[in-house]
Amino acid sequence: MNKLIITVLVLFVLSACGTNTEQEKLSEGVMSEDAFADLMLDVQLIEGHLNTNRVNQVFVTDSAKNYYKEIFLKHGVDLKKYEKNLKYYTARPKILESIYIE
């Protein structure tokens, strides 16, 4: 969980602005901003839940795996696609900021 937060922050800090049209994003397998915002909302809700309910680290780890599995299934992504989209949007801080504001 902390790895995700650290990864987001590192990628955010090291990122450079870029521009891609919606068609280029789709051809690269990048989710739309709205779809990514919905996914990140669920990710943040799960992270908050797990962080406030830390009773047993093994339980939290198992729960996190199950929660992420359900989130990815709900949004039609896998870990690889999630990481690709996270990398894409963190490389574009202004777009990512607007996603988080939404």
C-alpha atoms as a PDB file:
ATOM      1  CA  MET A   1       0.000   0.000   0.000  1.00  0.00           C
ATOM      2  CA  ASN A   2       2.767   2.362   0.905  1.00  0.00           C
ATOM      3  CA  LYS A   3       4.609   1.217  -2.215  1.00  0.00           C
ATOM      4  CA  LEU A   4       1.710   2.464  -4.329  1.00  0.00           C
ATOM      5  CA  ILE A   5       1.759   5.853  -2.665  1.00  0.00           C
ATOM      6  CA  ILE A   6       5.540   6.116  -2.979  1.00  0.00           C
ATOM      7  CA  THR A   7       5.384   5.012  -6.617  1.00  0.00           C
ATOM      8  CA  VAL A   8       2.745   7.621  -7.414  1.00  0.00           C
ATOM      9  CA  LEU A   9       4.740  10.346  -5.702  1.00  0.00           C
ATOM     10  CA  VAL A  10       8.044   9.381  -7.344  1.00  0.00           C
ATOM     11  CA  LEU A  11       6.487   9.155 -10.781  1.00  0.00           C
ATOM     12  CA  PHE A  12       4.675  12.420 -10.196  1.00  0.00           C
ATOM     13  CA  VAL A  13       7.878  14.227  -9.204  1.00  0.00           C
ATOM     14  CA  LEU A  14       9.971  12.749 -11.995  1.00  0.00           C
ATOM     15  CA  SER A  15       7.353  13.188 -14.667  1.00  0.00           C
ATOM     16  CA  ALA A  16       7.434  15.452 -17.667  1.00  0.00           C
ATOM     17  CA  CYS A  17       4.441  16.977 -19.420  1.00  0.00           C
ATOM     18  CA  GLY A  18       3.339  15.439 -22.680  1.00  0.00           C
ATOM     19  CA  THR A  19       0.394  15.688 -25.008  1.00  0.00           C
ATOM     20  CA  ASN A  20      -1.519  12.884 -26.638  1.00  0.00           C
ATOM     21  CA  THR A  21      -4.820  13.045 -28.383  1.00  0.00           C
ATOM     22  CA  GLU A  22      -7.667  10.825 -27.242  1.00  0.00           C
ATOM     23  CA  GLN A  23      -7.089   8.597 -30.288  1.00  0.00           C
ATOM     24  CA  GLU A  24      -3.396   8.160 -29.434  1.00  0.00           C
ATOM     25  CA  LYS A  25      -4.319   7.263 -25.850  1.00  0.00           C
ATOM     26  CA  LEU A  26      -6.738   4.603 -27.037  1.00  0.00           C
ATOM     27  CA  SER A  27      -4.219   3.144 -29.482  1.00  0.00           C
ATOM     28  CA  GLU A  28      -1.693   2.914 -26.619  1.00  0.00           C
ATOM     29  CA  GLY A  29      -4.222   1.146 -24.382  1.00  0.00           C
ATOM     30  CA  VAL A  30      -4.648   4.125 -22.056  1.00  0.00           C
ATOM     31  CA  MET A  31      -7.961   4.560 -20.281  1.00  0.00           C
ATOM     32  CA  SER A  32      -9.968   7.727 -20.729  1.00  0.00           C
ATOM     33  CA  GLU A  33      -9.564  10.327 -18.006  1.00  0.00           C
ATOM     34  CA  ASP A  34     -13.070   9.608 -16.695  1.00  0.00           C
ATOM     35  CA  ALA A  35     -12.474   5.853 -16.558  1.00  0.00           C
ATOM     36  CA  PHE A  36      -9.120   6.341 -14.846  1.00  0.00           C
ATOM     37  CA  ALA A  37     -10.710   8.756 -12.353  1.00  0.00           C
ATOM     38  CA  ASP A  38     -13.341   6.125 -11.481  1.00  0.00           C
ATOM     39  CA  LEU A  39     -10.622   3.495 -11.042  1.00  0.00           C
ATOM     40  CA  MET A  40      -8.485   5.772  -8.871  1.00  0.00           C
ATOM     41  CA  LEU A  41     -11.496   6.659  -6.714  1.00  0.00           C
ATOM     42  CA  ASP A  42     -11.949   2.973  -5.911  1.00  0.00           C
ATOM     43  CA  VAL A  43      -8.211   2.536  -5.316  1.00  0.00           C
ATOM     44  CA  GLN A  44      -8.119   5.473  -2.905  1.00  0.00           C
ATOM     45  CA  LEU A  45     -11.204   4.237  -1.038  1.00  0.00           C
ATOM     46  CA  ILE A  46      -9.619   0.804  -0.596  1.00  0.00           C
ATOM     47  CA  GLU A  47      -6.300   2.327   0.508  1.00  0.00           C
ATOM     48  CA  GLY A  48      -8.110   4.467   3.070  1.00  0.00           C
ATOM     49  CA  HIS A  49     -10.095   1.503   4.342  1.00  0.00           C
ATOM     50  CA  LEU A  50      -7.003  -0.677   4.674  1.00  0.00           C
ATOM     51  CA  ASN A  51      -5.021   2.055   6.407  1.00  0.00           C
ATOM     52  CA  THR A  52      -7.738   2.707   8.984  1.00  0.00           C
ATOM     53  CA  ASN A  53      -8.341  -0.975   9.711  1.00  0.00           C
ATOM     54  CA  ARG A  54      -4.810  -2.193  10.363  1.00  0.00           C
ATOM     55  CA  VAL A  55      -5.257  -4.936  12.903  1.00  0.00           C
ATOM     56  CA  ASN A  56      -3.207  -7.772  11.485  1.00  0.00           C
ATOM     57  CA  GLN A  57      -0.662  -7.232   8.706  1.00  0.00           C
ATOM     58  CA  VAL A  58      -1.356 -10.671   7.167  1.00  0.00           C
ATOM     59  CA  PHE A  59      -5.078  -9.918   7.147  1.00  0.00           C
ATOM     60  CA  VAL A  60      -4.492  -6.499   5.567  1.00  0.00           C
ATOM     61  CA  THR A  61      -2.241  -7.993   2.878  1.00  0.00           C
ATOM     62  CA  ASP A  62      -4.776 -10.703   2.024  1.00  0.00           C
ATOM     63  CA  SER A  63      -7.623  -8.193   2.049  1.00  0.00           C
ATOM     64  CA  ALA A  64      -5.687  -5.813  -0.208  1.00  0.00           C
ATOM     65  CA  LYS A  65      -5.136  -8.555  -2.777  1.00  0.00           C
ATOM     66  CA  ASN A  66      -8.834  -9.408  -2.781  1.00  0.00           C
ATOM     67  CA  TYR A  67      -9.942  -5.776  -2.915  1.00  0.00           C
ATOM     68  CA  TYR A  68      -7.615  -4.969  -5.804  1.00  0.00           C
ATOM     69  CA  LYS A  69      -8.730  -8.092  -7.638  1.00  0.00           C
ATOM     70  CA  GLU A  70     -12.350  -6.923  -7.352  1.00  0.00           C
ATOM     71  CA  ILE A  71     -11.518  -3.355  -8.370  1.00  0.00           C
ATOM     72  CA  PHE A  72      -9.563  -4.491 -11.415  1.00  0.00           C
ATOM     73  CA  LEU A  73     -12.361  -6.873 -12.406  1.00  0.00           C
ATOM     74  CA  LYS A  74     -14.946  -4.096 -12.003  1.00  0.00           C
ATOM     75  CA  HIS A  75     -12.952  -1.731 -14.246  1.00  0.00           C
ATOM     76  CA  GLY A  76     -11.797  -4.350 -16.761  1.00  0.00           C
ATOM     77  CA  VAL A  77      -8.075  -3.936 -16.076  1.00  0.00           C
ATOM     78  CA  ASP A  78      -5.280  -6.072 -14.746  1.00  0.00           C
ATOM     79  CA  LEU A  79      -2.207  -5.048 -12.752  1.00  0.00           C
ATOM     80  CA  LYS A  80      -0.161  -4.463 -15.899  1.00  0.00           C
ATOM     81  CA  LYS A  81      -2.799  -2.166 -17.444  1.00  0.00           C
ATOM     82  CA  TYR A  82      -3.269  -0.357 -14.128  1.00  0.00           C
ATOM     83  CA  GLU A  83       0.466   0.293 -13.839  1.00  0.00           C
ATOM     84  CA  LYS A  84       0.631   1.422 -17.481  1.00  0.00           C
ATOM     85  CA  ASN A  85      -2.204   3.903 -16.936  1.00  0.00           C
ATOM     86  CA  LEU A  86      -0.736   5.081 -13.649  1.00  0.00           C
ATOM     87  CA  LYS A  87       2.597   5.695 -15.356  1.00  0.00           C
ATOM     88  CA  TYR A  88       0.895   7.476 -18.280  1.00  0.00           C
ATOM     89  CA  TYR A  89      -1.103   9.847 -16.088  1.00  0.00           C
ATOM     90  CA  THR A  90       1.642  10.524 -13.553  1.00  0.00           C
ATOM     91  CA  ALA A  91       3.819  11.617 -16.464  1.00  0.00           C
ATOM     92  CA  ARG A  92       1.167  14.285 -17.108  1.00  0.00           C
ATOM     93  CA  PRO A  93       0.771  16.073 -13.766  1.00  0.00           C
ATOM     94  CA  LYS A  94      -1.784  18.633 -14.921  1.00  0.00           C
ATOM     95  CA  ILE A  95      -4.101  15.924 -16.225  1.00  0.00           C
ATOM     96  CA  LEU A  96      -3.548  13.830 -13.090  1.00  0.00           C
ATOM     97  CA  GLU A  97      -4.311  16.821 -10.889  1.00  0.00           C
ATOM     98  CA  SER A  98      -7.603  17.374 -12.719  1.00  0.00           C
ATOM     99  CA  ILE A  99      -8.417  13.672 -12.266  1.00  0.00           C
ATOM    100  CA  TYR A 100      -7.813  13.893  -8.515  1.00  0.00           C
ATOM    101  CA  ILE A 101      -9.855  17.087  -8.273  1.00  0.00           C
ATOM    102  CA  GLU A 102     -12.727  15.306 -10.026  1.00  0.00           C
END
